[in-house]
N, C-alpha and C. Protein backbone atom coordinates (compact mmCIF):
# COMPACT_ATOMS: atom_id res chain seq x y z
N MET A 1 -30.07 -3.07 -15.67
CA MET A 1 -29.09 -2.85 -14.66
C MET A 1 -29.45 -3.25 -13.29
N LEU A 2 -28.53 -3.84 -12.46
CA LEU A 2 -28.97 -4.03 -11.09
C LEU A 2 -28.53 -2.79 -10.25
N TYR A 3 -29.67 -2.69 -9.51
CA TYR A 3 -29.34 -1.48 -8.46
C TYR A 3 -28.03 -1.54 -7.72
N ASP A 4 -27.97 -2.78 -6.87
CA ASP A 4 -27.17 -2.90 -6.16
C ASP A 4 -26.08 -4.10 -6.35
N PHE A 5 -25.38 -3.74 -7.50
CA PHE A 5 -24.48 -4.51 -8.21
C PHE A 5 -23.24 -5.32 -7.38
N LYS A 6 -22.94 -4.50 -6.34
CA LYS A 6 -21.51 -5.02 -5.61
C LYS A 6 -21.77 -6.27 -5.19
N VAL A 7 -23.19 -6.38 -4.45
CA VAL A 7 -23.62 -7.41 -3.56
C VAL A 7 -23.70 -8.74 -4.64
N PHE A 8 -24.26 -8.44 -5.76
CA PHE A 8 -24.43 -9.49 -6.97
C PHE A 8 -23.00 -9.96 -7.48
N GLN A 9 -22.22 -9.02 -7.77
CA GLN A 9 -20.93 -9.43 -8.19
C GLN A 9 -20.12 -10.23 -7.03
N LYS A 10 -20.15 -9.88 -6.05
CA LYS A 10 -19.63 -10.75 -4.84
C LYS A 10 -19.98 -12.07 -4.79
N VAL A 11 -21.10 -12.18 -5.04
CA VAL A 11 -21.86 -13.66 -5.01
C VAL A 11 -21.72 -14.45 -6.25
N TYR A 12 -21.67 -13.52 -7.21
CA TYR A 12 -21.35 -14.38 -8.55
C TYR A 12 -19.90 -14.93 -8.60
N ASP A 13 -18.96 -14.00 -7.87
CA ASP A 13 -17.72 -14.36 -7.73
C ASP A 13 -17.35 -15.53 -6.72
N PHE A 14 -18.29 -15.56 -5.69
CA PHE A 14 -18.21 -16.62 -4.85
C PHE A 14 -18.72 -17.91 -5.39
N LEU A 15 -19.71 -17.63 -6.09
CA LEU A 15 -20.19 -19.05 -6.90
C LEU A 15 -19.20 -19.51 -8.07
N LEU A 16 -18.09 -18.45 -8.71
CA LEU A 16 -17.25 -18.98 -9.46
C LEU A 16 -16.01 -20.04 -8.64
N TRP A 17 -16.08 -19.49 -7.15
CA TRP A 17 -15.04 -20.55 -6.44
C TRP A 17 -15.78 -21.48 -6.09
N VAL A 18 -17.05 -21.32 -5.59
CA VAL A 18 -17.75 -22.63 -5.13
C VAL A 18 -17.78 -23.72 -6.24
N LYS A 19 -18.10 -23.46 -7.28
CA LYS A 19 -18.33 -24.80 -8.35
C LYS A 19 -17.14 -25.66 -8.37
N PRO A 20 -15.68 -24.96 -8.77
CA PRO A 20 -14.62 -25.98 -9.00
C PRO A 20 -14.22 -26.65 -7.57
N THR A 21 -14.47 -25.84 -6.49
CA THR A 21 -14.22 -26.49 -5.20
C THR A 21 -14.96 -27.68 -5.01
N VAL A 22 -16.26 -27.43 -5.12
CA VAL A 22 -17.28 -28.81 -5.02
C VAL A 22 -16.82 -29.63 -5.74
N GLN A 23 -16.22 -29.80 -6.82
CA GLN A 23 -16.09 -30.58 -7.67
C GLN A 23 -14.81 -31.49 -7.33
N ARG A 24 -14.16 -30.91 -6.29
CA ARG A 24 -12.97 -31.59 -5.57
C ARG A 24 -13.43 -32.23 -4.40
N PHE A 25 -14.88 -31.96 -4.04
CA PHE A 25 -15.17 -32.86 -2.78
C PHE A 25 -14.95 -34.21 -3.17
N GLU A 26 -14.83 -35.10 -2.08
CA GLU A 26 -14.81 -36.47 -2.24
C GLU A 26 -16.38 -36.89 -2.53
N ARG A 27 -16.26 -37.97 -2.83
CA ARG A 27 -17.33 -38.48 -3.78
C ARG A 27 -18.83 -38.50 -2.73
N VAL A 28 -18.51 -39.19 -1.52
CA VAL A 28 -19.42 -39.25 -0.46
C VAL A 28 -20.09 -37.73 0.19
N HIS A 29 -19.32 -36.54 -0.29
CA HIS A 29 -20.12 -35.25 -0.15
C HIS A 29 -20.28 -34.40 -1.42
N LYS A 30 -19.85 -34.62 -2.41
CA LYS A 30 -19.90 -34.16 -3.63
C LYS A 30 -21.29 -33.78 -3.86
N TYR A 31 -21.95 -35.09 -3.91
CA TYR A 31 -23.38 -35.31 -4.50
C TYR A 31 -24.49 -35.23 -3.36
N SER A 32 -23.95 -34.68 -2.06
CA SER A 32 -25.06 -34.26 -1.28
C SER A 32 -24.73 -32.88 -0.57
N LEU A 33 -23.74 -32.81 0.12
CA LEU A 33 -23.42 -31.34 0.60
C LEU A 33 -23.23 -30.34 -0.40
N GLY A 34 -22.21 -30.75 -1.40
CA GLY A 34 -21.65 -30.03 -2.49
C GLY A 34 -22.72 -29.70 -3.62
N ILE A 35 -23.52 -30.62 -3.72
CA ILE A 35 -24.65 -29.87 -4.63
C ILE A 35 -25.69 -28.80 -4.00
N GLN A 36 -26.06 -29.35 -2.70
CA GLN A 36 -26.78 -28.42 -2.05
C GLN A 36 -26.06 -27.15 -1.79
N LEU A 37 -24.72 -26.95 -1.38
CA LEU A 37 -24.02 -25.85 -1.55
C LEU A 37 -24.05 -24.83 -2.55
N GLU A 38 -23.81 -25.59 -4.01
CA GLU A 38 -24.01 -25.13 -5.10
C GLU A 38 -25.38 -24.67 -5.56
N ASN A 39 -26.51 -25.29 -5.29
CA ASN A 39 -27.66 -24.71 -5.45
C ASN A 39 -28.24 -23.53 -4.63
N THR A 40 -27.56 -23.69 -3.31
CA THR A 40 -28.20 -22.47 -2.34
C THR A 40 -27.50 -21.44 -2.75
N VAL A 41 -26.18 -21.35 -3.26
CA VAL A 41 -25.17 -19.97 -3.76
C VAL A 41 -26.37 -19.55 -5.15
N ILE A 42 -26.47 -20.64 -5.90
CA ILE A 42 -27.33 -19.95 -7.13
C ILE A 42 -28.74 -19.50 -6.67
N GLU A 43 -29.25 -20.04 -5.73
CA GLU A 43 -30.58 -19.59 -5.25
C GLU A 43 -30.36 -18.18 -4.57
N PHE A 44 -29.24 -18.03 -3.97
CA PHE A 44 -29.14 -16.65 -3.04
C PHE A 44 -28.93 -15.79 -4.15
N MET A 45 -28.16 -15.95 -5.29
CA MET A 45 -27.80 -14.89 -6.42
C MET A 45 -29.32 -14.75 -7.13
N LYS A 46 -30.10 -15.56 -7.30
CA LYS A 46 -31.46 -15.45 -7.89
C LYS A 46 -32.29 -14.44 -7.11
N LYS A 47 -32.04 -14.59 -5.53
CA LYS A 47 -32.81 -13.76 -4.95
C LYS A 47 -32.31 -12.29 -4.86
N ILE A 48 -31.00 -11.89 -5.17
CA ILE A 48 -30.40 -10.93 -5.08
C ILE A 48 -30.87 -10.14 -6.20
N VAL A 49 -30.91 -10.88 -7.51
CA VAL A 49 -31.53 -10.14 -8.76
C VAL A 49 -33.05 -9.79 -8.64
N LYS A 50 -33.76 -10.72 -7.89
CA LYS A 50 -35.04 -10.29 -7.52
C LYS A 50 -35.20 -9.01 -6.78
N ALA A 51 -34.46 -9.02 -5.84
CA ALA A 51 -34.80 -8.14 -4.68
C ALA A 51 -34.06 -6.47 -5.35
N ASN A 52 -33.23 -6.67 -6.67
CA ASN A 52 -32.86 -5.68 -7.15
C ASN A 52 -33.90 -5.20 -7.92
N PHE A 53 -34.73 -5.86 -8.85
CA PHE A 53 -35.43 -5.45 -9.60
C PHE A 53 -37.08 -4.94 -8.95
N VAL A 54 -37.34 -5.36 -7.81
CA VAL A 54 -38.72 -5.18 -7.11
C VAL A 54 -38.69 -3.77 -6.73
N ARG A 55 -40.00 -3.02 -6.91
CA ARG A 55 -40.20 -1.75 -6.50
C ARG A 55 -40.72 -1.65 -5.32
N GLU A 56 -41.57 -2.53 -4.77
CA GLU A 56 -42.33 -2.35 -3.44
C GLU A 56 -41.98 -3.60 -2.74
N ASN A 57 -42.09 -3.48 -1.39
CA ASN A 57 -41.68 -4.46 -0.37
C ASN A 57 -40.25 -4.77 -0.69
N LYS A 58 -39.46 -3.93 -0.81
CA LYS A 58 -37.74 -4.49 -1.29
C LYS A 58 -37.16 -4.75 -0.13
N LYS A 59 -37.56 -4.31 1.40
CA LYS A 59 -37.27 -4.85 2.44
C LYS A 59 -37.07 -6.22 2.63
N GLU A 60 -38.47 -6.91 2.55
CA GLU A 60 -38.83 -8.45 2.60
C GLU A 60 -37.89 -9.06 1.60
N PHE A 61 -37.69 -8.70 0.45
CA PHE A 61 -36.88 -9.34 -0.55
C PHE A 61 -35.49 -9.84 -0.08
N ILE A 62 -34.87 -8.23 0.53
CA ILE A 62 -33.71 -8.47 1.03
C ILE A 62 -33.56 -9.46 2.38
N GLU A 63 -34.69 -9.33 3.28
CA GLU A 63 -34.50 -10.28 4.29
C GLU A 63 -34.70 -11.84 3.63
N GLU A 64 -35.22 -12.18 2.45
CA GLU A 64 -34.90 -13.55 2.12
C GLU A 64 -33.74 -13.73 1.65
N CYS A 65 -32.92 -12.62 0.95
CA CYS A 65 -31.49 -12.76 0.38
C CYS A 65 -30.72 -13.04 2.16
N LEU A 66 -30.96 -12.27 3.05
CA LEU A 66 -30.20 -12.76 4.24
C LEU A 66 -30.76 -13.94 4.88
N MET A 67 -31.69 -14.59 4.73
CA MET A 67 -32.01 -15.91 5.07
C MET A 67 -31.15 -17.02 4.27
N GLU A 68 -31.23 -16.75 2.96
CA GLU A 68 -30.45 -17.64 1.87
C GLU A 68 -28.94 -17.48 2.11
N PHE A 69 -28.45 -16.31 2.44
CA PHE A 69 -27.07 -15.89 3.07
C PHE A 69 -26.52 -16.95 4.39
N GLU A 70 -27.53 -16.91 5.36
CA GLU A 70 -27.26 -17.78 6.43
C GLU A 70 -27.30 -19.32 6.29
N MET A 71 -27.95 -19.59 5.36
CA MET A 71 -27.84 -21.26 4.70
C MET A 71 -26.68 -21.20 4.15
N VAL A 72 -26.08 -20.44 3.27
CA VAL A 72 -24.81 -20.58 2.55
C VAL A 72 -23.45 -20.68 3.89
N LYS A 73 -23.81 -19.94 4.71
CA LYS A 73 -22.85 -19.94 5.60
C LYS A 73 -22.78 -21.17 6.39
N ILE A 74 -24.10 -21.68 6.87
CA ILE A 74 -24.16 -23.08 7.51
C ILE A 74 -23.55 -24.25 6.72
N LEU A 75 -23.62 -24.19 5.44
CA LEU A 75 -23.16 -25.32 4.34
C LEU A 75 -21.67 -25.21 4.26
N ILE A 76 -21.26 -23.83 4.34
CA ILE A 76 -19.72 -23.89 4.26
C ILE A 76 -19.09 -24.50 5.56
N ARG A 77 -19.85 -24.04 6.78
CA ARG A 77 -19.23 -24.63 8.11
C ARG A 77 -19.26 -25.94 7.99
N LEU A 78 -20.43 -26.64 7.64
CA LEU A 78 -20.67 -28.02 7.83
C LEU A 78 -19.45 -28.75 6.68
N ALA A 79 -19.09 -28.01 5.60
CA ALA A 79 -18.19 -28.58 4.80
C ALA A 79 -16.86 -28.58 5.19
N LYS A 80 -16.54 -27.53 6.23
CA LYS A 80 -15.22 -27.15 7.28
C LYS A 80 -15.24 -28.58 8.18
N ASP A 81 -16.61 -28.74 9.05
CA ASP A 81 -16.66 -29.83 9.81
C ASP A 81 -16.34 -31.09 9.21
N PHE A 82 -17.04 -31.27 8.13
CA PHE A 82 -16.85 -32.79 7.52
C PHE A 82 -15.38 -32.83 6.95
N LYS A 83 -14.56 -31.82 7.09
CA LYS A 83 -13.36 -31.93 6.34
C LYS A 83 -13.27 -32.03 4.89
N VAL A 84 -14.26 -31.45 4.45
CA VAL A 84 -14.19 -31.32 2.99
C VAL A 84 -13.72 -30.09 2.45
N LEU A 85 -13.46 -29.24 3.22
CA LEU A 85 -12.98 -28.06 2.89
C LEU A 85 -11.67 -27.92 4.06
N ASN A 86 -10.47 -27.43 3.58
CA ASN A 86 -9.21 -27.33 4.25
C ASN A 86 -9.27 -26.18 4.85
N LEU A 87 -8.57 -25.61 5.75
CA LEU A 87 -8.46 -24.42 6.42
C LEU A 87 -8.45 -23.34 5.55
N LYS A 88 -7.66 -23.21 4.81
CA LYS A 88 -7.09 -22.40 3.89
C LYS A 88 -8.49 -21.76 2.77
N GLN A 89 -9.36 -23.04 2.44
CA GLN A 89 -10.26 -22.87 1.78
C GLN A 89 -11.70 -22.21 2.54
N TYR A 90 -11.44 -22.47 3.97
CA TYR A 90 -12.68 -22.04 4.75
C TYR A 90 -12.16 -20.69 5.14
N GLU A 91 -10.95 -20.31 5.41
CA GLU A 91 -10.71 -18.93 5.50
C GLU A 91 -11.02 -18.16 4.30
N PHE A 92 -10.90 -18.58 2.94
CA PHE A 92 -11.14 -17.48 1.69
C PHE A 92 -12.76 -17.63 1.83
N ALA A 93 -13.36 -18.74 2.02
CA ALA A 93 -14.81 -18.39 2.25
C ALA A 93 -15.36 -17.69 3.11
N SER A 94 -14.85 -17.85 4.33
CA SER A 94 -15.24 -16.88 5.39
C SER A 94 -14.89 -15.50 5.17
N LYS A 95 -13.69 -15.12 4.69
CA LYS A 95 -13.36 -13.71 4.12
C LYS A 95 -14.49 -13.20 3.36
N ASN A 96 -14.64 -13.99 2.25
CA ASN A 96 -15.73 -13.60 1.12
C ASN A 96 -17.01 -13.27 1.95
N LEU A 97 -17.44 -14.43 2.80
CA LEU A 97 -18.80 -14.14 3.04
C LEU A 97 -19.14 -13.02 4.25
N ASN A 98 -17.94 -12.90 4.92
CA ASN A 98 -18.03 -11.72 5.54
C ASN A 98 -17.96 -10.21 4.87
N GLU A 99 -17.31 -10.23 3.66
CA GLU A 99 -17.77 -9.20 3.03
C GLU A 99 -19.05 -9.08 2.44
N ILE A 100 -19.77 -10.04 2.09
CA ILE A 100 -21.00 -10.26 1.20
C ILE A 100 -22.17 -9.97 2.47
N GLY A 101 -21.64 -10.47 3.73
CA GLY A 101 -22.63 -10.01 4.68
C GLY A 101 -22.54 -8.54 4.98
N ARG A 102 -21.62 -7.86 5.35
CA ARG A 102 -21.46 -6.54 5.25
C ARG A 102 -22.18 -5.73 4.35
N LEU A 103 -22.13 -6.04 2.88
CA LEU A 103 -22.84 -5.51 1.91
C LEU A 103 -24.09 -5.55 2.04
N LEU A 104 -24.68 -6.88 2.36
CA LEU A 104 -26.28 -7.13 2.37
C LEU A 104 -26.68 -6.13 3.54
N GLY A 105 -26.00 -6.20 4.93
CA GLY A 105 -26.52 -5.53 5.72
C GLY A 105 -26.67 -4.04 5.41
N GLY A 106 -25.73 -3.59 4.85
CA GLY A 106 -25.84 -2.15 4.62
C GLY A 106 -27.05 -1.78 3.50
N TRP A 107 -27.20 -2.73 2.42
CA TRP A 107 -28.35 -2.59 1.67
C TRP A 107 -29.62 -2.84 2.49
N TYR A 108 -29.45 -3.67 3.33
CA TYR A 108 -30.86 -4.05 4.32
C TYR A 108 -31.02 -2.65 5.21
N LYS A 109 -30.12 -2.10 5.54
CA LYS A 109 -30.38 -0.91 6.46
C LYS A 109 -30.72 0.29 5.59
N ARG A 110 -30.33 0.25 4.37
CA ARG A 110 -31.26 1.43 3.21
C ARG A 110 -32.39 1.52 3.19
N PHE A 111 -33.23 0.34 3.44
CA PHE A 111 -34.46 0.28 3.37
C PHE A 111 -35.09 -0.05 4.65
N SER A 112 -34.40 0.23 5.85
CA SER A 112 -35.33 -0.16 6.81
C SER A 112 -35.82 1.24 7.34
């Protein structure tokens, strides 16, 4: 059982949104930015699982999650700036990422 299931579930739900969204990217962005975005969200989810299961140095693992989270935010912003995400999609992503960020921040503070 995951210790901080809320963070995992939010990222999981975000990935469920990212995958079909990337499938609708224009070809020029689907196989570069889109694949990178998908892979980064998957890597982010893996790091959350790892951080949940470690007993020692949990703070370091949560910091890795925070770094991966920042990469996801940058890729979403790039997608918006390249105009492969429309405003509605960007707002949806931003809202979800803000919530994930708050949960991650709270999780991090518990181990500081």
